[in-house]
N, C-alpha and C. Protein backbone atom coordinates (compact mmCIF):
# COMPACT_ATOMS: atom_id res chain seq x y z
N MET A 1 44.23 -69.83 -9.38
CA MET A 1 43.85 -68.53 -8.85
C MET A 1 42.70 -68.74 -7.85
N PRO A 2 42.79 -68.13 -6.66
CA PRO A 2 41.72 -68.32 -5.66
C PRO A 2 40.43 -67.61 -6.07
N GLU A 3 39.34 -68.15 -5.56
CA GLU A 3 38.01 -67.56 -5.82
C GLU A 3 37.91 -66.23 -5.06
N PRO A 4 37.29 -65.22 -5.68
CA PRO A 4 37.09 -63.95 -4.96
C PRO A 4 36.10 -64.16 -3.81
N PRO A 5 36.25 -63.40 -2.74
CA PRO A 5 35.30 -63.54 -1.63
C PRO A 5 33.88 -63.18 -2.09
N THR A 6 32.94 -63.84 -1.49
CA THR A 6 31.53 -63.55 -1.80
C THR A 6 30.87 -62.94 -0.58
N ASP A 7 29.90 -62.12 -0.83
CA ASP A 7 29.14 -61.53 0.27
C ASP A 7 28.28 -62.61 0.91
N PRO A 8 28.08 -62.53 2.22
CA PRO A 8 27.20 -63.51 2.86
C PRO A 8 25.78 -63.33 2.32
N PRO A 9 25.01 -64.41 2.33
CA PRO A 9 23.63 -64.27 1.84
C PRO A 9 22.86 -63.27 2.69
N MET A 10 22.04 -62.50 2.02
CA MET A 10 21.23 -61.50 2.73
C MET A 10 19.98 -62.18 3.28
N ALA A 11 19.57 -61.74 4.44
CA ALA A 11 18.32 -62.25 5.01
C ALA A 11 17.17 -61.73 4.17
N PRO A 12 16.15 -62.56 3.99
CA PRO A 12 15.01 -62.09 3.20
C PRO A 12 14.32 -60.90 3.88
N ILE A 13 13.85 -59.99 3.07
CA ILE A 13 13.11 -58.84 3.58
C ILE A 13 11.69 -59.31 3.86
N PRO A 14 11.20 -59.11 5.08
CA PRO A 14 9.84 -59.58 5.37
C PRO A 14 8.80 -58.85 4.52
N ALA A 15 7.81 -59.59 4.09
CA ALA A 15 6.72 -59.01 3.31
C ALA A 15 5.82 -58.22 4.26
N VAL A 16 5.67 -56.94 3.98
CA VAL A 16 4.87 -56.07 4.83
C VAL A 16 3.72 -55.49 4.01
N PRO A 17 2.50 -55.69 4.48
CA PRO A 17 1.37 -55.14 3.72
C PRO A 17 1.28 -53.62 3.84
N VAL A 18 0.71 -53.02 2.82
CA VAL A 18 0.40 -51.59 2.81
C VAL A 18 -0.93 -51.41 3.54
N ILE A 19 -1.04 -50.38 4.35
CA ILE A 19 -2.32 -50.09 5.01
C ILE A 19 -3.20 -49.42 3.96
N ALA A 20 -4.21 -50.15 3.49
CA ALA A 20 -5.10 -49.63 2.45
C ALA A 20 -6.00 -48.53 3.00
N GLN A 21 -6.51 -48.74 4.20
CA GLN A 21 -7.27 -47.70 4.90
C GLN A 21 -7.32 -48.06 6.38
N ARG A 22 -7.50 -47.04 7.21
CA ARG A 22 -7.49 -47.24 8.66
C ARG A 22 -8.91 -47.43 9.18
N GLY A 23 -9.51 -48.48 8.70
CA GLY A 23 -10.87 -48.84 9.10
C GLY A 23 -11.34 -49.96 8.21
N PRO A 24 -12.46 -50.58 8.57
CA PRO A 24 -12.95 -51.71 7.78
C PRO A 24 -13.65 -51.28 6.49
N TYR A 25 -13.75 -52.24 5.58
CA TYR A 25 -14.57 -52.08 4.38
C TYR A 25 -15.90 -52.75 4.67
N GLU A 26 -16.97 -52.01 4.54
CA GLU A 26 -18.31 -52.56 4.72
C GLU A 26 -18.77 -53.10 3.37
N VAL A 27 -18.97 -54.42 3.29
CA VAL A 27 -19.31 -55.06 2.02
C VAL A 27 -20.48 -56.02 2.20
N GLU A 28 -21.21 -56.22 1.12
CA GLU A 28 -22.29 -57.21 1.09
C GLU A 28 -21.74 -58.49 0.48
N LEU A 29 -21.81 -59.59 1.23
CA LEU A 29 -21.30 -60.87 0.77
C LEU A 29 -22.43 -61.88 0.68
N GLU A 30 -22.25 -62.89 -0.19
CA GLU A 30 -23.24 -63.95 -0.38
C GLU A 30 -22.77 -65.23 0.28
N ALA A 31 -23.66 -65.89 1.01
CA ALA A 31 -23.36 -67.17 1.63
C ALA A 31 -22.98 -68.19 0.57
N GLY A 32 -21.95 -68.97 0.87
CA GLY A 32 -21.51 -70.02 -0.03
C GLY A 32 -20.58 -69.56 -1.14
N LYS A 33 -20.41 -68.27 -1.31
CA LYS A 33 -19.54 -67.74 -2.35
C LYS A 33 -18.11 -67.61 -1.81
N THR A 34 -17.13 -67.90 -2.66
CA THR A 34 -15.72 -67.80 -2.29
C THR A 34 -15.18 -66.45 -2.74
N TYR A 35 -14.41 -65.83 -1.86
CA TYR A 35 -13.83 -64.51 -2.12
C TYR A 35 -12.33 -64.57 -1.87
N LEU A 36 -11.59 -63.64 -2.48
CA LEU A 36 -10.16 -63.47 -2.22
C LEU A 36 -9.95 -62.09 -1.62
N TRP A 37 -9.62 -62.06 -0.34
CA TRP A 37 -9.36 -60.81 0.38
C TRP A 37 -7.92 -60.38 0.12
N CYS A 38 -7.73 -59.13 -0.23
CA CYS A 38 -6.40 -58.58 -0.47
C CYS A 38 -5.65 -58.49 0.86
N ALA A 39 -4.53 -59.20 0.95
CA ALA A 39 -3.70 -59.18 2.15
C ALA A 39 -2.51 -58.24 2.03
N CYS A 40 -2.24 -57.77 0.79
CA CYS A 40 -1.04 -56.93 0.58
C CYS A 40 -1.35 -55.44 0.69
N GLY A 41 -2.61 -55.05 0.50
CA GLY A 41 -2.99 -53.64 0.57
C GLY A 41 -2.77 -52.88 -0.72
N ARG A 42 -2.33 -53.55 -1.77
CA ARG A 42 -2.00 -52.87 -3.04
C ARG A 42 -3.11 -52.92 -4.07
N SER A 43 -4.14 -53.72 -3.84
CA SER A 43 -5.21 -53.90 -4.82
C SER A 43 -6.00 -52.61 -5.05
N ALA A 44 -6.35 -52.35 -6.30
CA ALA A 44 -7.21 -51.21 -6.64
C ALA A 44 -8.67 -51.59 -6.45
N SER A 45 -8.93 -52.86 -6.12
CA SER A 45 -10.30 -53.37 -5.93
C SER A 45 -10.55 -53.71 -4.47
N GLN A 46 -10.00 -52.93 -3.55
CA GLN A 46 -10.13 -53.19 -2.12
C GLN A 46 -11.59 -53.41 -1.74
N PRO A 47 -11.84 -54.35 -0.83
CA PRO A 47 -10.88 -55.16 -0.09
C PRO A 47 -10.53 -56.48 -0.78
N PHE A 48 -10.86 -56.59 -2.05
CA PHE A 48 -10.64 -57.84 -2.76
C PHE A 48 -9.37 -57.79 -3.60
N CYS A 49 -8.81 -58.96 -3.87
CA CYS A 49 -7.57 -59.08 -4.62
C CYS A 49 -7.77 -58.79 -6.10
N ASP A 50 -6.81 -58.07 -6.69
CA ASP A 50 -6.81 -57.86 -8.14
C ASP A 50 -5.49 -58.32 -8.76
N GLY A 51 -4.67 -59.04 -7.97
CA GLY A 51 -3.39 -59.55 -8.46
C GLY A 51 -2.21 -58.64 -8.23
N SER A 52 -2.43 -57.50 -7.61
CA SER A 52 -1.34 -56.53 -7.39
C SER A 52 -0.28 -57.02 -6.42
N HIS A 53 -0.53 -58.12 -5.74
CA HIS A 53 0.43 -58.66 -4.78
C HIS A 53 1.64 -59.31 -5.47
N ALA A 54 1.58 -59.53 -6.76
CA ALA A 54 2.66 -60.21 -7.47
C ALA A 54 4.01 -59.60 -7.12
N GLY A 55 4.92 -60.44 -6.67
CA GLY A 55 6.25 -60.00 -6.30
C GLY A 55 6.38 -59.43 -4.90
N SER A 56 5.28 -59.33 -4.17
CA SER A 56 5.31 -58.72 -2.83
C SER A 56 5.66 -59.72 -1.74
N GLY A 57 5.56 -61.01 -2.05
CA GLY A 57 5.76 -62.03 -1.02
C GLY A 57 4.51 -62.30 -0.22
N LEU A 58 3.44 -61.62 -0.54
CA LEU A 58 2.16 -61.81 0.15
C LEU A 58 1.16 -62.45 -0.81
N THR A 59 0.21 -63.17 -0.26
CA THR A 59 -0.83 -63.79 -1.08
C THR A 59 -2.19 -63.47 -0.49
N PRO A 60 -3.22 -63.46 -1.33
CA PRO A 60 -4.56 -63.16 -0.83
C PRO A 60 -5.09 -64.28 0.06
N VAL A 61 -6.09 -63.96 0.86
CA VAL A 61 -6.74 -64.93 1.73
C VAL A 61 -8.04 -65.36 1.07
N ARG A 62 -8.12 -66.64 0.76
CA ARG A 62 -9.35 -67.21 0.17
C ARG A 62 -10.29 -67.57 1.32
N PHE A 63 -11.54 -67.11 1.22
CA PHE A 63 -12.51 -67.47 2.26
C PHE A 63 -13.89 -67.63 1.65
N GLU A 64 -14.70 -68.43 2.31
CA GLU A 64 -16.08 -68.64 1.90
C GLU A 64 -16.97 -68.01 2.95
N CYS A 65 -17.90 -67.19 2.49
CA CYS A 65 -18.81 -66.51 3.39
C CYS A 65 -19.86 -67.51 3.88
N ALA A 66 -20.09 -67.54 5.19
CA ALA A 66 -21.06 -68.47 5.78
C ALA A 66 -22.48 -67.92 5.77
N VAL A 67 -22.61 -66.61 5.90
CA VAL A 67 -23.93 -65.98 6.01
C VAL A 67 -24.00 -64.78 5.08
N SER A 68 -25.07 -64.69 4.29
CA SER A 68 -25.26 -63.52 3.42
C SER A 68 -25.52 -62.28 4.24
N GLY A 69 -25.01 -61.15 3.77
CA GLY A 69 -25.29 -59.89 4.45
C GLY A 69 -24.07 -59.02 4.55
N THR A 70 -24.18 -57.99 5.36
CA THR A 70 -23.11 -57.02 5.55
C THR A 70 -22.00 -57.62 6.40
N GLN A 71 -20.78 -57.48 5.91
CA GLN A 71 -19.60 -57.93 6.64
C GLN A 71 -18.60 -56.78 6.67
N PHE A 72 -17.72 -56.79 7.63
CA PHE A 72 -16.69 -55.76 7.75
C PHE A 72 -15.32 -56.41 7.58
N LEU A 73 -14.72 -56.17 6.40
CA LEU A 73 -13.42 -56.76 6.09
C LEU A 73 -12.31 -55.76 6.41
N CYS A 74 -11.21 -56.29 6.90
CA CYS A 74 -10.09 -55.47 7.35
C CYS A 74 -9.52 -54.61 6.23
N GLY A 75 -9.29 -53.34 6.54
CA GLY A 75 -8.67 -52.42 5.59
C GLY A 75 -7.22 -52.13 5.92
N CYS A 76 -6.83 -52.33 7.18
CA CYS A 76 -5.44 -52.02 7.57
C CYS A 76 -4.49 -53.18 7.31
N LYS A 77 -5.04 -54.36 7.07
CA LYS A 77 -4.28 -55.57 6.75
C LYS A 77 -3.49 -56.10 7.93
N GLN A 78 -3.81 -55.66 9.14
CA GLN A 78 -3.09 -56.07 10.34
C GLN A 78 -3.95 -56.94 11.26
N THR A 79 -5.18 -57.25 10.88
CA THR A 79 -6.11 -57.99 11.72
C THR A 79 -5.57 -59.36 12.14
N GLY A 80 -5.97 -59.81 13.28
CA GLY A 80 -5.65 -61.16 13.74
C GLY A 80 -6.73 -62.14 13.34
N ASP A 81 -7.77 -61.67 12.66
CA ASP A 81 -8.92 -62.50 12.28
C ASP A 81 -9.15 -62.39 10.78
N LYS A 82 -8.10 -62.57 9.98
CA LYS A 82 -8.19 -62.40 8.53
C LYS A 82 -9.34 -63.22 7.95
N PRO A 83 -10.18 -62.63 7.13
CA PRO A 83 -10.14 -61.31 6.52
C PRO A 83 -10.96 -60.26 7.26
N TYR A 84 -11.51 -60.63 8.41
CA TYR A 84 -12.46 -59.76 9.10
C TYR A 84 -11.75 -58.73 10.00
N CYS A 85 -12.35 -57.56 10.09
CA CYS A 85 -11.82 -56.50 10.94
C CYS A 85 -11.96 -56.90 12.41
N ASP A 86 -10.88 -56.71 13.17
CA ASP A 86 -10.93 -56.97 14.61
C ASP A 86 -10.61 -55.72 15.42
N GLY A 87 -10.59 -54.56 14.74
CA GLY A 87 -10.33 -53.30 15.45
C GLY A 87 -8.87 -52.94 15.58
N THR A 88 -7.96 -53.75 15.04
CA THR A 88 -6.53 -53.47 15.15
C THR A 88 -6.19 -52.08 14.61
N HIS A 89 -6.94 -51.60 13.63
CA HIS A 89 -6.65 -50.27 13.05
C HIS A 89 -6.66 -49.17 14.11
N ASP A 90 -7.40 -49.37 15.20
CA ASP A 90 -7.46 -48.37 16.27
C ASP A 90 -6.16 -48.29 17.07
N THR A 91 -5.29 -49.29 16.91
CA THR A 91 -4.03 -49.32 17.68
C THR A 91 -2.83 -48.90 16.85
N LEU A 92 -3.03 -48.62 15.56
CA LEU A 92 -1.91 -48.27 14.69
C LEU A 92 -1.53 -46.81 14.85
N ASP A 93 -0.23 -46.53 14.68
CA ASP A 93 0.25 -45.14 14.76
C ASP A 93 -0.10 -44.39 13.50
């Protein structure tokens, strides 16, 4: 008996982050400390990762702060300078 036809493999769905907010998060960071920036937009601990990315195909961005003080981390998740805000939120619809 012949094998039944199979559907062609589906192309993977690209992982798309959720826009957590349309502007940066102003945060105080410590020099030398490692942080995990939420890249998926689903974390309840924005702008930091809380593990909500599980199954999204996205992973957090690990970074070490070079200078203590106020930093502006991306809230729209579309920045070209992850994890820092580059103003991309101003261009979103």
